[in-house]
Amino acid sequence: MNRTKQIYNELLFRLDQGVYPPESKFPSESQLADEFSISKVTMNKIVSMLASSGRLTRGIRGAGTRVSRPIFRPKGNIVFLGVLSAFSCKILRGMQRECLNSGYFPVAFSPDAGELQSCLRNLNRENTAGIITTSYGLLEPPDEIELFCLDYALPYQASDPHVHFLNSDDYHGGRLLMEEVLKRGHREIAIFSSERFFLRSDAPVTSRVQGFYKALEEAGILDYEQRTFFAMPQSI
């Protein structure tokens, strides 16, 4: 490695480490030339390389050179693919925080059922590092992209190494929720669920609803199936 490249890498390292804070005045070419024992012509070339890469901003008419604001260069996109609700928006906020902390860019899609396949076709290895999905059932990831299914309620076989499942303890959560409702003296209770709208009309009752049923049964309320209604999310 020649001397010019060595000095360039050293200054780049200093910028990465915050030795020269963003928007601060960068040392003059004369100072740096003396520090590294090279000519001002060579140092001018190195500073020009740093400016061309976006790390420095040259001033006008002798105003000096300043350190540029850092540019976010994401490692890739992490796609959130889900029906937006109060619950899924909390997941999206957490995903966004972790993506930005880890150097990835979060992208959110919430397509209608008829647009879902078109949306998936637009994703590929070049623009997508992974997919997090909820409420759309089991998707087939394109181009072997890593797919994380949240709270997928139906039985499945984990045969695809690129598909991962993260499930909440919906049964006990549903049971605890209904027990709390019952503790407050409520007995005229109806259950609204949207899972079958996105899956199929004869899909098994989800674990959360089963938890509701168990708590109602233990309280002596046995007509829980007649109290349950399935429809589109946020339709009531």
C-alpha atoms as a PDB file:
ATOM      1  CA  MET A   1       0.000   0.000   0.000  1.00  0.00           C
ATOM      2  CA  ASN A   2       1.463   3.365  -0.994  1.00  0.00           C
ATOM      3  CA  ARG A   3       1.849   6.293   1.370  1.00  0.00           C
ATOM      4  CA  THR A   4      -1.107   8.241  -0.056  1.00  0.00           C
ATOM      5  CA  LYS A   5      -3.474   5.322   0.536  1.00  0.00           C
ATOM      6  CA  GLN A   6      -2.127   4.787   4.063  1.00  0.00           C
ATOM      7  CA  ILE A   7      -2.774   8.407   5.039  1.00  0.00           C
ATOM      8  CA  TYR A   8      -6.198   8.349   3.383  1.00  0.00           C
ATOM      9  CA  ASN A   9      -7.149   5.260   5.418  1.00  0.00           C
ATOM     10  CA  GLU A  10      -5.818   6.819   8.621  1.00  0.00           C
ATOM     11  CA  LEU A  11      -7.893   9.964   8.143  1.00  0.00           C
ATOM     12  CA  LEU A  12     -10.926   7.877   7.203  1.00  0.00           C
ATOM     13  CA  PHE A  13     -10.459   5.899  10.424  1.00  0.00           C
ATOM     14  CA  ARG A  14     -10.299   9.120  12.444  1.00  0.00           C
ATOM     15  CA  LEU A  15     -13.510  10.342  10.835  1.00  0.00           C
ATOM     16  CA  ASP A  16     -15.247   7.040  11.603  1.00  0.00           C
ATOM     17  CA  GLN A  17     -14.084   7.210  15.224  1.00  0.00           C
ATOM     18  CA  GLY A  18     -15.314  10.768  15.682  1.00  0.00           C
ATOM     19  CA  VAL A  19     -11.870  12.326  16.132  1.00  0.00           C
ATOM     20  CA  TYR A  20     -13.145  15.056  13.821  1.00  0.00           C
ATOM     21  CA  PRO A  21     -16.829  15.573  14.779  1.00  0.00           C
ATOM     22  CA  PRO A  22     -19.483  16.192  12.096  1.00  0.00           C
ATOM     23  CA  GLU A  23     -19.680  19.826  10.960  1.00  0.00           C
ATOM     24  CA  SER A  24     -16.422  20.696  12.734  1.00  0.00           C
ATOM     25  CA  LYS A  25     -13.573  22.366  10.885  1.00  0.00           C
ATOM     26  CA  PHE A  26     -11.182  19.804   9.412  1.00  0.00           C
ATOM     27  CA  PRO A  27      -7.437  20.394  10.010  1.00  0.00           C
ATOM     28  CA  SER A  28      -5.791  22.443   7.293  1.00  0.00           C
ATOM     29  CA  GLU A  29      -3.812  20.734   4.555  1.00  0.00           C
ATOM     30  CA  SER A  30      -0.669  22.459   5.865  1.00  0.00           C
ATOM     31  CA  GLN A  31      -1.171  21.024   9.361  1.00  0.00           C
ATOM     32  CA  LEU A  32      -1.771  17.535   8.041  1.00  0.00           C
ATOM     33  CA  ALA A  33       1.131  17.758   5.597  1.00  0.00           C
ATOM     34  CA  ASP A  34       3.429  18.581   8.510  1.00  0.00           C
ATOM     35  CA  GLU A  35       1.965  15.837  10.680  1.00  0.00           C
ATOM     36  CA  PHE A  36       2.451  13.126   8.066  1.00  0.00           C
ATOM     37  CA  SER A  37       5.668  14.608   6.607  1.00  0.00           C
ATOM     38  CA  ILE A  38       4.383  14.809   3.056  1.00  0.00           C
ATOM     39  CA  SER A  39       4.012  17.625   0.534  1.00  0.00           C
ATOM     40  CA  LYS A  40       1.021  19.948   0.490  1.00  0.00           C
ATOM     41  CA  VAL A  41       0.300  18.786  -3.052  1.00  0.00           C
ATOM     42  CA  THR A  42      -0.069  15.172  -1.875  1.00  0.00           C
ATOM     43  CA  MET A  43      -2.201  16.208   1.099  1.00  0.00           C
ATOM     44  CA  ASN A  44      -4.420  18.276  -1.188  1.00  0.00           C
ATOM     45  CA  LYS A  45      -4.967  15.137  -3.258  1.00  0.00           C
ATOM     46  CA  ILE A  46      -5.924  13.116  -0.142  1.00  0.00           C
ATOM     47  CA  VAL A  47      -8.326  15.772   1.111  1.00  0.00           C
ATOM     48  CA  SER A  48      -9.893  15.900  -2.358  1.00  0.00           C
ATOM     49  CA  MET A  49     -10.405  12.120  -2.208  1.00  0.00           C
ATOM     50  CA  LEU A  50     -12.171  12.448   1.169  1.00  0.00           C
ATOM     51  CA  ALA A  51     -14.318  15.261  -0.219  1.00  0.00           C
ATOM     52  CA  SER A  52     -15.207  13.187  -3.307  1.00  0.00           C
ATOM     53  CA  SER A  53     -16.341  10.339  -1.044  1.00  0.00           C
ATOM     54  CA  GLY A  54     -18.681  12.704   0.798  1.00  0.00           C
ATOM     55  CA  ARG A  55     -16.784  12.700   4.087  1.00  0.00           C
ATOM     56  CA  LEU A  56     -15.612  16.318   3.807  1.00  0.00           C
ATOM     57  CA  THR A  57     -17.139  19.513   2.420  1.00  0.00           C
ATOM     58  CA  ARG A  58     -14.821  22.136   0.979  1.00  0.00           C
ATOM     59  CA  GLY A  59     -15.624  25.746   1.777  1.00  0.00           C
ATOM     60  CA  ILE A  60     -15.789  28.617  -0.710  1.00  0.00           C
ATOM     61  CA  ARG A  61     -12.920  31.109  -1.093  1.00  0.00           C
ATOM     62  CA  GLY A  62     -10.670  29.986   1.697  1.00  0.00           C
ATOM     63  CA  ALA A  63     -13.456  29.154   4.169  1.00  0.00           C
ATOM     64  CA  GLY A  64     -11.699  25.915   4.989  1.00  0.00           C
ATOM     65  CA  THR A  65     -12.873  22.331   4.888  1.00  0.00           C
ATOM     66  CA  ARG A  66     -15.526  20.936   7.234  1.00  0.00           C
ATOM     67  CA  VAL A  67     -16.484  17.421   8.240  1.00  0.00           C
ATOM     68  CA  SER A  68     -19.708  16.372   6.517  1.00  0.00           C
ATOM     69  CA  ARG A  69     -22.735  15.116   8.362  1.00  0.00           C
ATOM     70  CA  PRO A  70     -22.744  11.306   8.382  1.00  0.00           C
ATOM     71  CA  ILE A  71     -24.719   9.720   5.539  1.00  0.00           C
ATOM     72  CA  PHE A  72     -26.834   6.733   6.467  1.00  0.00           C
ATOM     73  CA  ARG A  73     -25.750   3.878   4.216  1.00  0.00           C
ATOM     74  CA  PRO A  74     -27.979   0.911   5.112  1.00  0.00           C
ATOM     75  CA  LYS A  75     -26.719  -2.655   4.835  1.00  0.00           C
ATOM     76  CA  GLY A  76     -30.064  -3.526   3.259  1.00  0.00           C
ATOM     77  CA  ASN A  77     -33.831  -3.240   3.676  1.00  0.00           C
ATOM     78  CA  ILE A  78     -35.874  -5.146   6.236  1.00  0.00           C
ATOM     79  CA  VAL A  79     -39.477  -5.336   5.048  1.00  0.00           C
ATOM     80  CA  PHE A  80     -42.475  -5.318   7.379  1.00  0.00           C
ATOM     81  CA  LEU A  81     -45.425  -6.905   5.608  1.00  0.00           C
ATOM     82  CA  GLY A  82     -48.563  -6.830   7.706  1.00  0.00           C
ATOM     83  CA  VAL A  83     -52.051  -5.540   8.302  1.00  0.00           C
ATOM     84  CA  LEU A  84     -51.743  -2.285  10.231  1.00  0.00           C
ATOM     85  CA  SER A  85     -53.421  -2.244  13.624  1.00  0.00           C
ATOM     86  CA  ALA A  86     -52.638  -0.897  17.083  1.00  0.00           C
ATOM     87  CA  PHE A  87     -50.796  -4.158  17.845  1.00  0.00           C
ATOM     88  CA  SER A  88     -48.858  -4.470  14.587  1.00  0.00           C
ATOM     89  CA  CYS A  89     -47.843  -0.784  14.723  1.00  0.00           C
ATOM     90  CA  LYS A  90     -46.118  -1.483  18.044  1.00  0.00           C
ATOM     91  CA  ILE A  91     -44.214  -4.318  16.344  1.00  0.00           C
ATOM     92  CA  LEU A  92     -43.361  -1.964  13.480  1.00  0.00           C
ATOM     93  CA  ARG A  93     -42.007   0.679  15.872  1.00  0.00           C
ATOM     94  CA  GLY A  94     -39.805  -1.889  17.595  1.00  0.00           C
ATOM     95  CA  MET A  95     -38.588  -3.217  14.247  1.00  0.00           C
ATOM     96  CA  GLN A  96     -37.809   0.313  13.076  1.00  0.00           C
ATOM     97  CA  ARG A  97     -35.740   1.032  16.185  1.00  0.00           C
ATOM     98  CA  GLU A  98     -33.726  -2.183  15.904  1.00  0.00           C
ATOM     99  CA  CYS A  99     -33.192  -1.772  12.142  1.00  0.00           C
ATOM    100  CA  LEU A 100     -31.763   1.714  12.508  1.00  0.00           C
ATOM    101  CA  ASN A 101     -29.591   0.644  15.447  1.00  0.00           C
ATOM    102  CA  SER A 102     -28.225  -2.225  13.356  1.00  0.00           C
ATOM    103  CA  GLY A 103     -27.664  -0.323  10.115  1.00  0.00           C
ATOM    104  CA  TYR A 104     -30.693  -1.564   8.152  1.00  0.00           C
ATOM    105  CA  PHE A 105     -33.481   0.471   6.587  1.00  0.00           C
ATOM    106  CA  PRO A 106     -37.069  -0.464   7.546  1.00  0.00           C
ATOM    107  CA  VAL A 107     -39.693  -0.596   4.791  1.00  0.00           C
ATOM    108  CA  ALA A 108     -43.387  -1.118   5.575  1.00  0.00           C
ATOM    109  CA  PHE A 109     -46.075  -2.516   3.267  1.00  0.00           C
ATOM    110  CA  SER A 110     -49.711  -3.171   4.123  1.00  0.00           C
ATOM    111  CA  PRO A 111     -51.258  -4.293   0.824  1.00  0.00           C
ATOM    112  CA  ASP A 112     -54.791  -5.503   0.262  1.00  0.00           C
ATOM    113  CA  ALA A 113     -55.076  -9.262  -0.182  1.00  0.00           C
ATOM    114  CA  GLY A 114     -55.282  -8.885  -3.974  1.00  0.00           C
ATOM    115  CA  GLU A 115     -52.042  -6.889  -4.086  1.00  0.00           C
ATOM    116  CA  LEU A 116     -50.038  -9.203  -1.848  1.00  0.00           C
ATOM    117  CA  GLN A 117     -48.450 -11.373  -4.557  1.00  0.00           C
ATOM    118  CA  SER A 118     -47.517  -8.331  -6.632  1.00  0.00           C
ATOM    119  CA  CYS A 119     -45.834  -6.856  -3.582  1.00  0.00           C
ATOM    120  CA  LEU A 120     -43.875 -10.058  -2.966  1.00  0.00           C
ATOM    121  CA  ARG A 121     -42.717 -10.205  -6.592  1.00  0.00           C
ATOM    122  CA  ASN A 122     -41.083  -6.793  -6.191  1.00  0.00           C
ATOM    123  CA  LEU A 123     -38.850  -8.092  -3.401  1.00  0.00           C
ATOM    124  CA  ASN A 124     -35.556  -9.779  -4.190  1.00  0.00           C
ATOM    125  CA  ARG A 125     -32.136 -10.456  -2.725  1.00  0.00           C
ATOM    126  CA  GLU A 126     -30.719  -7.216  -4.113  1.00  0.00           C
ATOM    127  CA  ASN A 127     -33.113  -4.926  -2.237  1.00  0.00           C
ATOM    128  CA  THR A 128     -34.313  -7.040   0.698  1.00  0.00           C
ATOM    129  CA  ALA A 129     -32.340  -8.571   3.576  1.00  0.00           C
ATOM    130  CA  GLY A 130     -35.368 -10.077   5.298  1.00  0.00           C
ATOM    131  CA  ILE A 131     -39.166  -9.979   5.710  1.00  0.00           C
ATOM    132  CA  ILE A 132     -41.185  -9.757   8.921  1.00  0.00           C
ATOM    133  CA  THR A 133     -44.851 -10.582   8.371  1.00  0.00           C
ATOM    134  CA  THR A 134     -48.026 -10.778  10.421  1.00  0.00           C
ATOM    135  CA  SER A 135     -51.725 -11.332   9.650  1.00  0.00           C
ATOM    136  CA  TYR A 136     -51.210 -12.576   6.064  1.00  0.00           C
ATOM    137  CA  GLY A 137     -50.810 -16.261   6.825  1.00  0.00           C
ATOM    138  CA  LEU A 138     -47.838 -18.314   5.634  1.00  0.00           C
ATOM    139  CA  LEU A 139     -46.075 -16.623   2.718  1.00  0.00           C
ATOM    140  CA  GLU A 140     -43.600 -18.118   0.284  1.00  0.00           C
ATOM    141  CA  PRO A 141     -40.474 -15.954   0.410  1.00  0.00           C
ATOM    142  CA  PRO A 142     -39.030 -14.964  -2.976  1.00  0.00           C
ATOM    143  CA  ASP A 143     -35.373 -15.640  -3.813  1.00  0.00           C
ATOM    144  CA  GLU A 144     -34.806 -17.489  -0.513  1.00  0.00           C
ATOM    145  CA  ILE A 145     -35.143 -14.274   1.493  1.00  0.00           C
ATOM    146  CA  GLU A 146     -35.289 -14.892   5.247  1.00  0.00           C
ATOM    147  CA  LEU A 147     -38.945 -14.744   6.332  1.00  0.00           C
ATOM    148  CA  PHE A 148     -40.113 -14.314   9.946  1.00  0.00           C
ATOM    149  CA  CYS A 149     -43.792 -15.096  10.571  1.00  0.00           C
ATOM    150  CA  LEU A 150     -45.201 -13.531  13.729  1.00  0.00           C
ATOM    151  CA  ASP A 151     -48.015 -15.291  15.572  1.00  0.00           C
ATOM    152  CA  TYR A 152     -48.894 -17.721  12.780  1.00  0.00           C
ATOM    153  CA  ALA A 153     -51.846 -19.610  14.241  1.00  0.00           C
ATOM    154  CA  LEU A 154     -52.212 -22.666  11.974  1.00  0.00           C
ATOM    155  CA  PRO A 155     -50.252 -25.936  12.191  1.00  0.00           C
ATOM    156  CA  TYR A 156     -47.146 -25.885  10.015  1.00  0.00           C
ATOM    157  CA  GLN A 157     -44.118 -27.969   9.096  1.00  0.00           C
ATOM    158  CA  ALA A 158     -40.831 -26.140   9.502  1.00  0.00           C
ATOM    159  CA  SER A 159     -39.324 -27.580   6.312  1.00  0.00           C
ATOM    160  CA  ASP A 160     -38.020 -24.393   4.674  1.00  0.00           C
ATOM    161  CA  PRO A 161     -34.778 -23.219   6.352  1.00  0.00           C
ATOM    162  CA  HIS A 162     -35.538 -19.644   5.264  1.00  0.00           C
ATOM    163  CA  VAL A 163     -38.910 -19.504   7.077  1.00  0.00           C
ATOM    164  CA  HIS A 164     -38.941 -18.824  10.822  1.00  0.00           C
ATOM    165  CA  PHE A 165     -41.822 -18.623  13.308  1.00  0.00           C
ATOM    166  CA  LEU A 166     -42.091 -16.352  16.345  1.00  0.00           C
ATOM    167  CA  ASN A 167     -45.270 -16.978  18.308  1.00  0.00           C
ATOM    168  CA  SER A 168     -46.736 -15.370  21.397  1.00  0.00           C
ATOM    169  CA  ASP A 169     -48.400 -17.501  24.078  1.00  0.00           C
ATOM    170  CA  ASP A 170     -51.785 -16.523  22.700  1.00  0.00           C
ATOM    171  CA  TYR A 171     -53.745 -19.201  24.555  1.00  0.00           C
ATOM    172  CA  HIS A 172     -52.729 -18.098  28.046  1.00  0.00           C
ATOM    173  CA  GLY A 173     -52.845 -14.461  27.008  1.00  0.00           C
ATOM    174  CA  GLY A 174     -56.424 -14.839  25.768  1.00  0.00           C
ATOM    175  CA  ARG A 175     -57.414 -16.740  28.888  1.00  0.00           C
ATOM    176  CA  LEU A 176     -55.963 -14.068  31.189  1.00  0.00           C
ATOM    177  CA  LEU A 177     -57.688 -11.316  29.219  1.00  0.00           C
ATOM    178  CA  MET A 178     -61.092 -12.984  29.496  1.00  0.00           C
ATOM    179  CA  GLU A 179     -60.564 -13.785  33.203  1.00  0.00           C
ATOM    180  CA  GLU A 180     -59.925 -10.095  33.808  1.00  0.00           C
ATOM    181  CA  VAL A 181     -63.141  -9.179  31.973  1.00  0.00           C
ATOM    182  CA  LEU A 182     -65.065 -11.689  34.068  1.00  0.00           C
ATOM    183  CA  LYS A 183     -63.495 -10.428  37.314  1.00  0.00           C
ATOM    184  CA  ARG A 184     -65.009  -7.035  36.581  1.00  0.00           C
ATOM    185  CA  GLY A 185     -68.485  -8.527  36.592  1.00  0.00           C
ATOM    186  CA  HIS A 186     -69.164  -8.609  32.858  1.00  0.00           C
ATOM    187  CA  ARG A 187     -71.316 -11.442  31.551  1.00  0.00           C
ATOM    188  CA  GLU A 188     -72.842 -10.079  28.313  1.00  0.00           C
ATOM    189  CA  ILE A 189     -69.657 -10.716  26.321  1.00  0.00           C
ATOM    190  CA  ALA A 190     -69.130 -10.961  22.550  1.00  0.00           C
ATOM    191  CA  ILE A 191     -65.876 -11.987  20.830  1.00  0.00           C
ATOM    192  CA  PHE A 192     -64.701 -10.396  17.585  1.00  0.00           C
ATOM    193  CA  SER A 193     -61.916 -12.077  15.592  1.00  0.00           C
ATOM    194  CA  SER A 194     -60.403 -11.253  12.199  1.00  0.00           C
ATOM    195  CA  GLU A 195     -58.170 -14.296  11.617  1.00  0.00           C
ATOM    196  CA  ARG A 196     -60.596 -16.195   9.403  1.00  0.00           C
ATOM    197  CA  PHE A 197     -61.024 -13.168   7.165  1.00  0.00           C
ATOM    198  CA  PHE A 198     -57.393 -13.496   6.061  1.00  0.00           C
ATOM    199  CA  LEU A 199     -57.084 -17.297   6.262  1.00  0.00           C
ATOM    200  CA  ARG A 200     -60.234 -19.211   5.317  1.00  0.00           C
ATOM    201  CA  SER A 201     -63.782 -19.492   6.580  1.00  0.00           C
ATOM    202  CA  ASP A 202     -63.262 -22.979   8.048  1.00  0.00           C
ATOM    203  CA  ALA A 203     -59.852 -22.269   9.622  1.00  0.00           C
ATOM    204  CA  PRO A 204     -59.369 -23.645  13.151  1.00  0.00           C
ATOM    205  CA  VAL A 205     -60.177 -21.262  15.979  1.00  0.00           C
ATOM    206  CA  THR A 206     -56.973 -19.486  16.973  1.00  0.00           C
ATOM    207  CA  SER A 207     -55.194 -20.060  20.269  1.00  0.00           C
ATOM    208  CA  ARG A 208     -56.203 -16.655  21.629  1.00  0.00           C
ATOM    209  CA  VAL A 209     -59.892 -17.352  20.989  1.00  0.00           C
ATOM    210  CA  GLN A 210     -59.491 -20.822  22.529  1.00  0.00           C
ATOM    211  CA  GLY A 211     -58.160 -19.080  25.639  1.00  0.00           C
ATOM    212  CA  PHE A 212     -61.254 -16.872  25.662  1.00  0.00           C
ATOM    213  CA  TYR A 213     -63.437 -19.962  25.371  1.00  0.00           C
ATOM    214  CA  LYS A 214     -61.725 -21.781  28.236  1.00  0.00           C
ATOM    215  CA  ALA A 215     -62.176 -18.879  30.635  1.00  0.00           C
ATOM    216  CA  LEU A 216     -65.836 -18.526  29.641  1.00  0.00           C
ATOM    217  CA  GLU A 217     -66.428 -22.265  30.046  1.00  0.00           C
ATOM    218  CA  GLU A 218     -64.932 -22.218  33.541  1.00  0.00           C
ATOM    219  CA  ALA A 219     -67.237 -19.313  34.382  1.00  0.00           C
ATOM    220  CA  GLY A 220     -70.265 -21.363  33.282  1.00  0.00           C
ATOM    221  CA  ILE A 221     -70.818 -19.487  30.016  1.00  0.00           C
ATOM    222  CA  LEU A 222     -71.113 -22.282  27.465  1.00  0.00           C
ATOM    223  CA  ASP A 223     -72.588 -20.555  24.406  1.00  0.00           C
ATOM    224  CA  TYR A 224     -69.244 -18.944  23.528  1.00  0.00           C
ATOM    225  CA  GLU A 225     -69.343 -20.068  19.896  1.00  0.00           C
ATOM    226  CA  GLN A 226     -72.613 -18.182  19.358  1.00  0.00           C
ATOM    227  CA  ARG A 227     -70.951 -15.146  20.937  1.00  0.00           C
ATOM    228  CA  THR A 228     -68.062 -15.179  18.438  1.00  0.00           C
ATOM    229  CA  PHE A 229     -68.062 -13.127  15.225  1.00  0.00           C
ATOM    230  CA  PHE A 230     -65.481 -13.221  12.416  1.00  0.00           C
ATOM    231  CA  ALA A 231     -65.032 -10.267  10.068  1.00  0.00           C
ATOM    232  CA  MET A 232     -62.556  -7.879   8.513  1.00  0.00           C
ATOM    233  CA  PRO A 233     -60.216  -6.049  10.939  1.00  0.00           C
ATOM    234  CA  GLN A 234     -61.487  -2.695  12.232  1.00  0.00           C
ATOM    235  CA  SER A 235     -64.898  -3.317  10.652  1.00  0.00           C
ATOM    236  CA  ILE A 236     -66.761  -2.575  13.880  1.00  0.00           C
END
